[in-house]
Amino acid sequence: MPPAPEPEPPLPPRPQMPGEEECCHSDCALCVFTLYERRLERWEQAVAGAQARRLEPGAD
């Protein structure tokens, strides 16, 4: 009998949106909301990749 496949690691939690009070409203190049959007995009890609791997033939 072949060994059971290793379980996929759990996904990291969804990034939390910063509060309005965390932004200085000075048009920073790396605004907390810009950083949040980047983290959210990476998280969404990780979720999509995990879902695609689960749908691959032979995935249980």
Protein backbone atom coordinates (compact mmCIF):
# COMPACT_ATOMS: atom_id res chain seq x y z
CA MET A 1 0.00 0.00 0.00
CA PRO A 2 1.46 3.42 -0.95
CA PRO A 3 2.03 5.89 1.83
CA ALA A 4 -0.70 8.42 2.44
CA PRO A 5 0.01 11.87 0.99
CA GLU A 6 1.09 14.47 3.48
CA PRO A 7 -1.67 16.89 4.40
CA GLU A 8 -1.41 20.33 2.92
CA PRO A 9 -0.26 22.94 5.44
CA PRO A 10 -3.00 25.25 6.67
CA LEU A 11 -3.29 28.62 5.02
CA PRO A 12 -2.22 31.67 6.95
CA PRO A 13 -5.08 33.77 8.32
CA ARG A 14 -6.50 36.48 6.09
CA PRO A 15 -4.65 39.78 6.64
CA GLN A 16 -6.56 42.25 8.78
CA MET A 17 -7.37 45.62 7.30
CA PRO A 18 -5.64 48.43 9.18
CA GLY A 19 -7.79 50.85 11.09
CA GLU A 20 -8.28 54.38 9.87
CA GLU A 21 -6.22 55.59 12.85
CA GLU A 22 -3.19 53.61 11.58
CA CYS A 23 -2.89 55.83 8.50
CA CYS A 24 -1.21 59.23 8.81
CA HIS A 25 -2.98 60.54 5.66
CA SER A 26 0.31 61.97 4.34
CA ASP A 27 0.33 60.09 1.00
CA CYS A 28 3.20 57.86 2.12
CA ALA A 29 4.84 55.72 -0.56
CA LEU A 30 4.23 52.67 1.64
CA CYS A 31 0.90 53.52 3.19
CA VAL A 32 -0.48 50.94 5.63
CA PHE A 33 -3.41 50.47 3.24
CA THR A 34 -1.04 49.83 0.30
CA LEU A 35 0.85 47.27 2.36
CA TYR A 36 -2.44 45.66 3.36
CA GLU A 37 -3.53 45.40 -0.29
CA ARG A 38 -0.23 43.72 -1.19
CA ARG A 39 -0.55 41.23 1.68
CA LEU A 40 -4.15 40.54 0.72
CA GLU A 41 -3.16 39.87 -2.91
CA ARG A 42 -0.46 37.41 -1.80
CA TRP A 43 -2.93 35.73 0.55
CA GLU A 44 -5.55 35.43 -2.22
CA GLN A 45 -2.93 33.88 -4.54
CA ALA A 46 -1.98 31.38 -1.83
CA VAL A 47 -5.63 30.42 -1.33
CA ALA A 48 -6.21 30.07 -5.09
CA GLY A 49 -3.07 27.91 -5.42
CA ALA A 50 -4.17 25.66 -2.57
CA GLN A 51 -7.63 25.27 -4.08
CA ALA A 52 -6.14 24.44 -7.48
CA ARG A 53 -3.86 21.80 -5.94
CA ARG A 54 -6.83 20.21 -4.20
CA LEU A 55 -8.67 19.99 -7.53
CA GLU A 56 -5.75 18.35 -9.35
CA PRO A 57 -6.34 14.77 -10.47
CA GLY A 58 -5.18 12.37 -7.80
CA ALA A 59 -5.59 14.90 -5.00
CA ASP A 60 -7.74 13.66 -2.16
